[in-house]
Protein backbone atom coordinates (compact mmCIF):
# COMPACT_ATOMS: atom_id res chain seq x y z
CA MET A 1 -20.21 -19.33 -77.04
CA SER A 2 -18.67 -21.01 -80.16
CA VAL A 3 -20.08 -24.02 -81.64
CA GLY A 4 -19.20 -27.44 -80.23
CA TYR A 5 -17.56 -25.99 -76.92
CA TYR A 6 -19.41 -26.82 -74.05
CA SER A 7 -18.50 -25.13 -70.15
CA SER A 8 -18.57 -27.58 -67.38
CA LYS A 9 -18.30 -24.76 -64.84
CA LYS A 10 -21.04 -24.82 -62.42
CA THR A 11 -22.23 -21.91 -60.16
CA ASP A 12 -24.97 -21.30 -57.37
CA ASP A 13 -24.63 -17.38 -58.29
CA ILE A 14 -23.58 -16.35 -54.65
CA CYS A 15 -20.23 -15.17 -56.22
CA GLU A 16 -20.98 -15.40 -59.91
CA ASP A 17 -20.10 -11.70 -60.15
CA VAL A 18 -16.87 -12.57 -58.99
CA CYS A 19 -15.43 -14.72 -61.27
CA GLY A 20 -13.30 -13.46 -64.26
CA GLN A 21 -13.37 -9.70 -63.03
CA GLN A 22 -10.42 -8.19 -64.31
CA SER A 23 -9.62 -5.37 -61.36
CA SER A 24 -7.23 -4.28 -58.93
CA ARG A 25 -6.00 -6.69 -55.73
CA ALA A 26 -7.92 -4.53 -53.30
CA ALA A 27 -11.18 -4.33 -55.40
CA LEU A 28 -10.99 -8.20 -55.77
CA SER A 29 -10.08 -8.42 -52.05
CA MET A 30 -13.31 -6.87 -51.20
CA SER A 31 -15.41 -8.63 -53.92
CA ARG A 32 -14.30 -11.82 -52.22
CA LEU A 33 -15.20 -10.45 -48.70
CA LYS A 34 -18.75 -9.54 -50.02
CA CYS A 35 -18.74 -13.17 -51.26
CA ILE A 36 -18.07 -14.69 -48.04
CA LEU A 37 -20.63 -12.44 -46.02
CA ARG A 38 -23.51 -13.22 -48.74
CA GLY A 39 -22.71 -16.80 -47.67
CA LEU A 40 -23.28 -16.48 -44.01
CA ASP A 41 -26.46 -16.24 -42.12
CA PHE A 42 -27.68 -13.56 -39.73
CA LYS A 43 -26.70 -15.59 -36.41
CA THR A 44 -22.94 -16.46 -37.92
CA CYS A 45 -22.67 -12.62 -38.81
CA ILE A 46 -23.58 -11.63 -35.00
CA PHE A 47 -21.20 -14.06 -33.67
CA LEU A 48 -18.21 -12.61 -36.01
CA LEU A 49 -19.07 -9.18 -35.40
CA VAL A 50 -19.85 -9.17 -31.87
CA LEU A 51 -19.39 -12.16 -29.94
CA VAL A 52 -15.54 -12.67 -30.94
CA PRO A 53 -14.56 -9.01 -30.24
CA LEU A 54 -16.14 -9.30 -26.80
CA GLY A 55 -14.37 -12.49 -26.13
CA ILE A 56 -11.40 -10.94 -27.20
CA LEU A 57 -11.59 -7.84 -25.02
CA GLY A 58 -12.82 -10.34 -22.10
CA VAL A 59 -9.53 -12.35 -22.50
CA TYR A 60 -7.42 -9.05 -22.59
CA LEU A 61 -9.14 -7.72 -19.38
CA HIS A 62 -9.19 -10.99 -17.41
CA GLY A 63 -6.76 -13.40 -19.02
CA GLN A 64 -4.53 -13.31 -15.71
CA LYS A 65 -8.02 -14.48 -13.98
CA ILE A 66 -8.68 -17.22 -16.32
CA THR A 67 -5.14 -18.23 -16.45
CA TYR A 68 -4.93 -18.80 -12.30
CA PHE A 69 -8.36 -20.27 -12.44
CA LEU A 70 -7.32 -22.91 -14.89
CA ARG A 71 -4.01 -23.37 -12.84
CA PRO A 72 -5.04 -26.95 -11.49
CA ILE A 73 -5.12 -28.24 -15.22
CA TRP A 74 -1.57 -26.92 -16.50
CA GLU A 75 0.36 -26.96 -13.23
CA SER A 76 0.94 -29.58 -10.58
CA PRO A 77 1.29 -28.63 -6.98
CA PRO A 78 5.19 -28.74 -5.85
CA LYS A 79 6.31 -31.61 -3.54
CA PRO A 80 4.87 -30.95 -0.16
CA PHE A 81 7.19 -30.09 2.87
CA GLN A 82 7.63 -32.42 5.71
CA ILE A 83 6.10 -30.27 8.46
CA LEU A 84 7.69 -30.34 11.64
CA PRO A 85 5.42 -29.42 14.83
CA HIS A 86 6.59 -26.31 16.68
CA TYR A 87 6.57 -26.31 20.54
CA TYR A 88 6.65 -23.23 22.64
CA HIS A 89 5.77 -21.57 26.03
CA ASP A 90 7.13 -18.96 27.96
CA ASN A 91 7.35 -21.20 31.15
CA VAL A 92 8.90 -24.20 29.51
CA SER A 93 12.73 -24.49 29.80
CA MET A 94 15.00 -24.68 26.60
CA GLU A 95 15.91 -27.82 27.55
CA ASN A 96 12.41 -29.35 27.45
CA LEU A 97 11.61 -27.43 24.06
CA CYS A 98 14.68 -28.75 22.48
CA ARG A 99 14.10 -32.27 23.61
CA LEU A 100 10.37 -31.93 22.41
CA HIS A 101 11.48 -31.34 18.95
CA GLY A 102 13.97 -34.41 19.07
CA TRP A 103 16.87 -32.30 19.29
CA GLY A 104 19.98 -32.10 21.92
CA ILE A 105 20.46 -28.92 23.83
CA ARG A 106 24.12 -27.08 23.20
CA GLU A 107 26.33 -25.50 26.04
CA SER A 108 26.24 -22.36 24.28
CA PRO A 109 24.01 -20.95 21.79
CA ARG A 110 25.13 -20.24 18.26
CA ARG A 111 25.50 -17.00 16.81
CA VAL A 112 22.98 -15.48 14.33
CA TYR A 113 23.13 -13.47 11.37
CA ASP A 114 20.10 -11.95 9.93
CA ALA A 115 20.45 -10.58 6.39
CA VAL A 116 17.98 -8.67 4.67
CA LEU A 117 17.45 -6.78 1.23
CA PHE A 118 15.89 -3.19 1.93
CA SER A 119 13.50 -1.31 -0.34
CA ASN A 120 11.17 0.87 1.53
CA GLU A 121 9.64 -1.01 4.52
CA VAL A 122 10.81 1.43 7.29
CA ASP A 123 8.09 0.57 9.74
CA ILE A 124 8.22 -3.32 9.14
CA LEU A 125 11.96 -3.57 9.30
CA THR A 126 11.95 -1.85 13.01
CA ILE A 127 9.31 -4.04 14.12
CA ARG A 128 11.47 -7.01 12.69
CA TRP A 129 14.76 -5.83 14.33
CA LYS A 130 12.92 -5.14 17.57
CA GLU A 131 11.43 -8.60 17.68
CA LEU A 132 14.90 -10.13 16.90
CA TYR A 133 17.20 -7.73 18.47
CA PRO A 134 18.12 -10.14 21.63
CA TYR A 135 19.38 -13.05 19.62
CA ILE A 136 20.99 -11.57 16.78
CA THR A 137 24.68 -11.22 16.66
CA GLN A 138 24.83 -9.10 13.30
CA PHE A 139 22.34 -7.45 11.34
CA VAL A 140 23.09 -7.32 7.68
CA ILE A 141 21.32 -5.01 5.25
CA LEU A 142 21.72 -4.10 1.86
CA GLU A 143 20.25 -1.29 -0.13
CA ALA A 144 20.11 -0.65 -3.85
CA ASN A 145 19.98 2.88 -5.50
CA SER A 146 17.44 1.43 -7.87
CA THR A 147 14.42 -1.11 -7.83
CA PHE A 148 14.09 -4.61 -9.33
CA THR A 149 12.43 -2.62 -11.91
CA GLY A 150 15.40 -0.27 -12.79
CA ILE A 151 13.76 2.68 -11.28
CA PRO A 152 15.99 5.15 -9.25
CA LYS A 153 15.28 5.40 -5.71
CA PRO A 154 16.71 7.44 -2.75
CA LEU A 155 18.64 5.33 -0.06
CA LEU A 156 15.97 5.34 2.52
CA PHE A 157 17.51 3.34 4.99
CA ALA A 158 20.54 5.70 5.34
CA ARG A 159 17.89 8.55 5.39
CA ASN A 160 16.34 6.87 8.43
CA ARG A 161 19.28 5.25 10.10
CA ASP A 162 18.76 7.25 13.24
CA ARG A 163 15.80 5.22 14.01
CA PHE A 164 17.93 2.30 14.23
CA LYS A 165 20.53 3.56 16.63
CA PHE A 166 19.56 0.52 18.96
CA ILE A 167 21.32 -2.09 16.54
CA GLU A 168 24.04 0.44 15.35
CA ASN A 169 27.02 -1.48 17.40
CA ARG A 170 25.62 -4.96 15.50
CA LEU A 171 24.92 -3.32 12.07
CA THR A 172 26.68 -4.10 8.92
CA TYR A 173 25.26 -1.78 6.18
CA GLY A 174 25.87 -1.89 2.46
CA THR A 175 24.84 -0.06 -0.62
CA VAL A 176 24.96 -1.22 -4.16
CA GLY A 177 24.59 0.48 -7.76
CA GLY A 178 21.70 -0.84 -9.67
CA ARG A 179 22.30 -1.33 -13.36
CA PHE A 180 19.16 0.78 -14.48
CA ARG A 181 18.45 -1.74 -17.15
CA LYS A 182 14.44 -0.87 -18.01
CA GLY A 183 12.34 -3.66 -19.82
CA GLU A 184 14.53 -6.49 -18.41
CA ASN A 185 12.87 -9.12 -16.44
CA PRO A 186 12.92 -7.54 -12.51
CA PHE A 187 14.09 -10.96 -11.24
CA VAL A 188 17.55 -10.60 -13.22
CA GLU A 189 18.26 -7.40 -11.05
CA GLU A 190 17.01 -9.21 -7.76
CA ALA A 191 19.28 -12.16 -8.19
CA TYR A 192 22.08 -9.20 -8.84
CA GLN A 193 21.19 -7.63 -5.50
CA ARG A 194 20.89 -10.90 -3.70
CA VAL A 195 24.71 -12.10 -4.82
CA ALA A 196 26.03 -8.54 -3.48
CA LEU A 197 24.07 -9.24 -0.15
CA ASP A 198 26.02 -12.66 -0.11
CA GLN A 199 29.28 -11.07 -0.30
CA LEU A 200 28.01 -8.54 2.45
CA ILE A 201 27.29 -11.24 4.64
CA ARG A 202 30.81 -12.48 4.26
CA ILE A 203 32.05 -9.16 4.92
CA ALA A 204 30.11 -9.05 8.19
CA GLY A 205 32.16 -11.93 9.72
CA ILE A 206 30.14 -14.86 9.41
CA GLU A 207 31.85 -18.35 10.24
CA ASP A 208 31.09 -22.05 9.81
CA ASP A 209 28.19 -23.38 11.69
CA ASP A 210 26.95 -19.78 12.74
CA LEU A 211 22.93 -19.44 11.96
CA LEU A 212 22.19 -17.51 8.95
CA LEU A 213 18.36 -16.29 8.46
CA MET A 214 17.29 -15.55 4.88
CA SER A 215 14.33 -13.63 4.43
CA ASP A 216 12.75 -10.53 3.19
CA VAL A 217 12.19 -7.63 5.40
CA ASP A 218 8.31 -8.27 5.98
CA GLU A 219 8.84 -12.17 6.74
CA ILE A 220 9.37 -11.97 10.30
CA PRO A 221 10.63 -14.68 12.42
CA SER A 222 9.34 -14.99 15.95
CA ALA A 223 11.92 -14.23 18.59
CA HIS A 224 11.46 -17.52 20.46
CA THR A 225 11.82 -19.64 17.19
CA ILE A 226 15.11 -17.92 16.50
CA ASN A 227 16.17 -18.43 20.27
CA LEU A 228 15.35 -22.37 20.24
CA LEU A 229 17.13 -22.91 16.81
CA ARG A 230 20.44 -21.34 18.35
CA TRP A 231 20.36 -23.14 21.44
CA CYS A 232 19.36 -26.58 19.95
CA ASP A 233 21.80 -29.11 18.74
CA ASP A 234 21.01 -31.38 15.63
CA THR A 235 18.97 -29.14 13.81
CA PRO A 236 18.53 -29.61 9.97
CA PRO A 237 21.21 -27.76 8.42
CA VAL A 238 18.82 -26.00 6.36
CA LEU A 239 15.08 -25.19 7.56
CA HIS A 240 12.20 -23.30 6.18
CA LEU A 241 9.97 -21.42 8.32
CA GLN A 242 6.25 -21.67 8.00
CA LEU A 243 4.71 -18.15 8.42
CA LYS A 244 1.26 -16.73 9.14
CA ASN A 245 0.38 -14.79 6.02
CA TYR A 246 -1.17 -11.29 6.67
CA LEU A 247 -2.11 -8.60 3.65
CA TYR A 248 -2.41 -4.69 4.13
CA SER A 249 -2.21 -5.06 8.00
CA PHE A 250 -2.39 -7.76 10.71
CA GLU A 251 -6.12 -7.26 10.64
CA TYR A 252 -6.19 -9.41 7.30
CA TYR A 253 -5.30 -13.00 7.95
CA VAL A 254 -4.90 -15.02 4.75
CA ASP A 255 -3.35 -18.62 5.42
CA ASN A 256 -0.29 -20.24 6.82
CA LYS A 257 1.61 -20.82 3.51
CA SER A 258 4.62 -18.36 3.33
CA TRP A 259 7.71 -20.76 3.58
CA ARG A 260 10.22 -18.71 1.85
CA ALA A 261 12.24 -17.30 4.96
CA SER A 262 14.69 -20.15 6.20
CA VAL A 263 17.56 -20.48 8.57
CA HIS A 264 20.96 -22.09 7.22
CA LYS A 265 23.80 -23.54 9.17
CA PHE A 266 26.41 -21.37 7.52
CA LYS A 267 28.96 -23.66 5.55
CA THR A 268 31.82 -21.70 3.51
CA GLY A 269 31.70 -22.23 -0.36
CA LYS A 270 28.25 -23.87 0.14
CA THR A 271 25.84 -21.56 1.79
CA ARG A 272 24.45 -18.99 -0.98
CA TYR A 273 21.92 -16.18 -0.12
CA ALA A 274 18.55 -17.24 -1.93
CA HIS A 275 15.05 -16.66 -1.51
CA TYR A 276 13.49 -19.98 -2.94
CA ARG A 277 12.93 -23.70 -1.94
CA GLN A 278 16.13 -24.91 -0.72
CA ALA A 279 15.14 -27.94 1.65
CA ASP A 280 12.04 -29.90 2.27
CA VAL A 281 11.75 -29.25 6.18
CA LEU A 282 9.58 -26.92 7.16
CA LEU A 283 8.98 -25.52 11.20
CA SER A 284 5.42 -24.82 11.78
CA ASP A 285 4.06 -21.39 13.06
CA ALA A 286 7.36 -19.70 13.15
CA GLY A 287 6.53 -15.81 12.73
CA TRP A 288 4.54 -13.57 10.42
CA HIS A 289 4.62 -12.42 6.79
CA CYS A 290 3.09 -9.13 6.35
CA SER A 291 2.76 -8.19 2.49
CA PHE A 292 2.34 -4.72 1.80
CA CYS A 293 1.87 -3.36 5.36
CA PHE A 294 2.49 0.04 4.83
CA ARG A 295 1.40 3.44 6.94
CA HIS A 296 1.13 5.54 3.32
CA ILE A 297 -0.59 5.05 0.05
CA SER A 298 2.19 6.37 -1.53
CA GLU A 299 4.26 3.47 -0.40
CA PHE A 300 1.68 0.97 -1.94
CA VAL A 301 2.22 2.72 -5.14
CA PHE A 302 6.11 2.41 -4.92
CA LYS A 303 6.10 -1.14 -4.32
CA MET A 304 3.63 -1.95 -7.14
CA LYS A 305 6.01 -0.36 -9.19
CA ALA A 306 9.19 -1.28 -7.71
CA TYR A 307 9.05 -5.12 -6.92
CA SER A 308 9.83 -8.30 -9.28
CA HIS A 309 5.97 -8.93 -9.91
CA TYR A 310 5.33 -5.31 -11.75
CA ASP A 311 3.87 -7.40 -14.67
CA ARG A 312 0.93 -7.84 -12.28
CA VAL A 313 0.11 -4.06 -12.76
CA ARG A 314 -1.62 -4.97 -16.06
CA PHE A 315 -3.46 -1.14 -16.25
CA SER A 316 -2.34 2.26 -15.31
CA HIS A 317 -5.50 2.76 -13.25
CA TYR A 318 -4.36 0.05 -10.64
CA LEU A 319 -1.78 2.80 -9.43
CA ASN A 320 -5.12 5.19 -8.47
CA PRO A 321 -4.54 5.99 -4.83
CA LYS A 322 -8.12 6.30 -4.42
CA ARG A 323 -9.03 2.72 -5.91
CA ILE A 324 -6.00 1.37 -3.89
CA GLN A 325 -7.61 2.79 -0.75
CA ASN A 326 -10.75 0.93 -1.50
CA VAL A 327 -9.04 -1.97 -2.27
CA ILE A 328 -7.13 -2.03 1.25
CA CYS A 329 -10.56 -1.17 3.00
CA LYS A 330 -12.48 -4.15 1.65
CA GLY A 331 -9.48 -6.48 1.83
CA ALA A 332 -9.50 -7.11 -2.02
CA ASP A 333 -6.46 -7.98 -4.31
CA LEU A 334 -4.63 -5.14 -5.53
CA PHE A 335 -3.99 -6.54 -8.75
CA ASP A 336 -7.44 -7.97 -9.32
CA MET A 337 -6.17 -11.63 -9.08
CA LEU A 338 -7.42 -14.90 -8.26
CA PRO A 339 -5.61 -16.91 -5.39
CA GLU A 340 -2.36 -18.65 -6.57
CA GLU A 341 -3.65 -22.30 -5.52
CA TYR A 342 -3.10 -25.54 -7.48
CA THR A 343 -6.56 -26.96 -6.49
CA PHE A 344 -9.92 -25.74 -8.02
CA LYS A 345 -11.05 -26.26 -4.10
CA GLU A 346 -8.74 -24.07 -2.43
CA ILE A 347 -9.24 -21.38 -5.36
CA ILE A 348 -12.87 -21.09 -5.12
CA GLY A 349 -12.55 -21.43 -1.26
CA LYS A 350 -10.45 -18.24 -1.16
CA MET A 351 -11.97 -15.99 -3.70
CA GLY A 352 -13.45 -12.90 -2.70
CA PRO A 353 -12.34 -10.18 -0.14
CA ILE A 354 -10.08 -11.62 2.77
CA PRO A 355 -12.46 -11.79 5.81
CA HIS A 356 -11.48 -9.38 9.05
CA SER A 357 -9.47 -11.03 11.89
CA TYR A 358 -10.24 -9.59 15.58
CA SER A 359 -7.33 -11.23 16.98
CA ALA A 360 -3.94 -9.61 18.26
CA VAL A 361 -2.55 -12.46 19.92
CA HIS A 362 0.58 -13.83 19.68
CA LEU A 363 1.75 -10.77 17.37
CA PRO A 364 5.49 -9.16 17.54
CA GLU A 365 5.76 -7.77 21.18
CA PHE A 366 7.05 -4.35 20.18
CA LEU A 367 4.18 -3.95 18.02
CA LEU A 368 1.82 -4.50 20.68
CA ASN A 369 3.65 -2.38 23.27
CA ASN A 370 3.47 0.47 20.48
CA ALA A 371 0.17 -0.17 19.31
CA GLU A 372 -0.79 3.68 19.43
CA LYS A 373 2.13 4.28 16.73
CA TYR A 374 1.27 1.10 14.55
CA LYS A 375 -2.51 1.35 14.90
CA TYR A 376 -2.85 1.01 11.01
CA LEU A 377 -1.35 -2.48 11.20
CA LEU A 378 -3.53 -3.73 14.08
CA PRO A 379 -7.38 -4.84 14.04
CA ALA A 380 -9.66 -1.72 14.41
CA LEU A 381 -10.40 -0.52 17.69
CA VAL A 382 -14.27 -0.30 18.20
CA GLN A 383 -15.34 2.48 20.24
CA ALA A 384 -18.19 1.37 22.91
CA SER A 385 -19.43 5.32 22.86
CA PRO A 386 -20.36 7.76 20.15
CA LEU A 387 -17.55 9.05 18.31
CA SER A 388 -16.55 12.54 18.27
CA VAL A 389 -13.66 14.80 17.14
CA GLU A 390 -12.13 14.43 20.37
CA SER A 391 -12.50 10.67 20.82
CA MET A 392 -11.05 10.23 17.55
CA SER A 393 -8.05 12.76 18.06
CA PHE A 394 -5.46 9.80 17.50
CA LEU A 395 -6.72 10.01 13.55
CA GLY A 396 -5.30 13.32 13.40
CA ARG A 397 -6.88 16.68 12.73
CA TRP A 398 -10.40 16.60 10.90
CA ASP A 399 -9.44 19.33 8.73
CA GLU A 400 -6.60 17.12 7.00
CA LEU A 401 -9.70 14.50 6.40
CA GLY A 402 -9.06 13.22 2.66
CA SER A 403 -12.11 10.93 1.67
CA PHE A 404 -14.62 8.49 3.11
CA SER A 405 -15.74 5.26 1.85
CA VAL A 406 -18.46 2.95 3.22
CA TYR A 407 -18.52 -0.58 2.54
CA GLU A 408 -21.13 -2.93 4.44
CA GLY A 409 -21.23 -0.87 7.53
CA LYS A 410 -17.50 -0.10 7.60
CA PHE A 411 -16.39 3.28 7.88
CA CYS A 412 -13.10 3.75 6.06
CA ILE A 413 -11.25 6.67 7.04
CA PHE A 414 -8.27 8.04 4.74
CA LEU A 415 -6.15 10.75 6.47
CA PHE A 416 -3.46 12.59 4.54
CA ALA A 417 -0.13 11.89 6.00
CA GLY A 418 3.13 12.96 4.60
CA LEU A 419 3.07 11.70 0.88
CA GLY A 420 0.12 9.46 1.29
CA PHE A 421 -2.97 8.48 3.20
CA LEU A 422 -3.28 6.83 6.45
CA HIS A 423 -6.09 4.06 6.50
CA TYR A 424 -8.04 3.01 9.41
CA GLU A 425 -11.66 1.77 10.11
CA GLU A 426 -14.45 2.07 12.74
CA GLU A 427 -17.79 0.25 12.37
CA VAL A 428 -20.34 2.96 12.39
CA TYR A 429 -24.37 3.39 11.89
CA ALA A 430 -24.25 6.99 10.40
CA VAL A 431 -21.79 9.54 8.98
CA PHE A 432 -22.91 13.26 9.62
CA GLN A 433 -20.41 15.92 8.25
CA GLY A 434 -17.51 14.28 8.93
CA VAL A 435 -18.50 13.16 12.58
CA ALA A 436 -19.05 9.54 13.02
CA ARG A 437 -21.85 8.33 15.43
CA TYR A 438 -23.26 4.87 16.74
């Protein structure tokens, strides 16, 4: 240092070796990183190198759960419906039923059009149309050759049309070509198909003041509800239907909060087919919504990849057939999601598996009259005597048995059936070489 020159630079010697270095940018960056790390204590290093990456991984794996749990903070509940009481009994006259609702009685019933988009729910569609058959003027169904997510699909209704001969003389069936735009928001394709269905309804011959039922295939209004609305006068021009919510089968009752199904008094130029809230009036206890109520595991996989909420399939293992079997058996959520509620009380109250229901009261008539055929949709039958190969013959051949799962005393049986598996449950105390015994 030259005489008379004084450097005022101060240093604590932590990063002294970095200062004044003439080196490459990469070397200088590494030196600065070392400088930073030398200035951190051990606990801080652990936090940065271990806890922060684990936190990021946790958000990646469970971010959707965190978002749904915090929903009451960032989203307010929608405006509540005005819920109308619903009166019904077999032995009460239609005139009295209309009067109990505050409505008048018509001299003749309105015509009713039932319009649906069809994907792959053949069994549920059968149950729906058998339930509504006595009161529907025209069944309108539209089928596309692609899913909402742009995946090509066969025309499954056309393949199974022979199963619906009982409504053939009242059927308006149409097809529409999908746009096959992968990566697009699935709700865009869904809206496109609903517009096409809107046009098909007009082709079917609907007229002003006819009733138009707007709901998905698995949203099934009860027959007596539709009969009530077609006979009563002064009903609301648009009326949403409160349906009982079921998942996987009528053994898993969730709640009564399904409301998207609606009945409209048709008005030319005004009524448009839609699947969102269009009014504030809700008729209570008006039917059933059985979501993901399929016979085969392959049908579960198809819907999970096909419907508008495909973004819920966040990981490929969600589509694993064995995982889906286990989820169904436990009554858990297919997408590992928390309940979609607007208060912490409701979210916490509905967390965990859906409890089993043992009630099959007030279910669709055709379902109960054909219980053997649709056993997979009904609460499990508990045998009073030891189970044997012969006593379980309704499940199929034992050499077709696919797998066993035991959850808290429940024996879940999965049989190969066509392209997938048939699920069924029995309470048992032990399992010995494929034979269940009490």
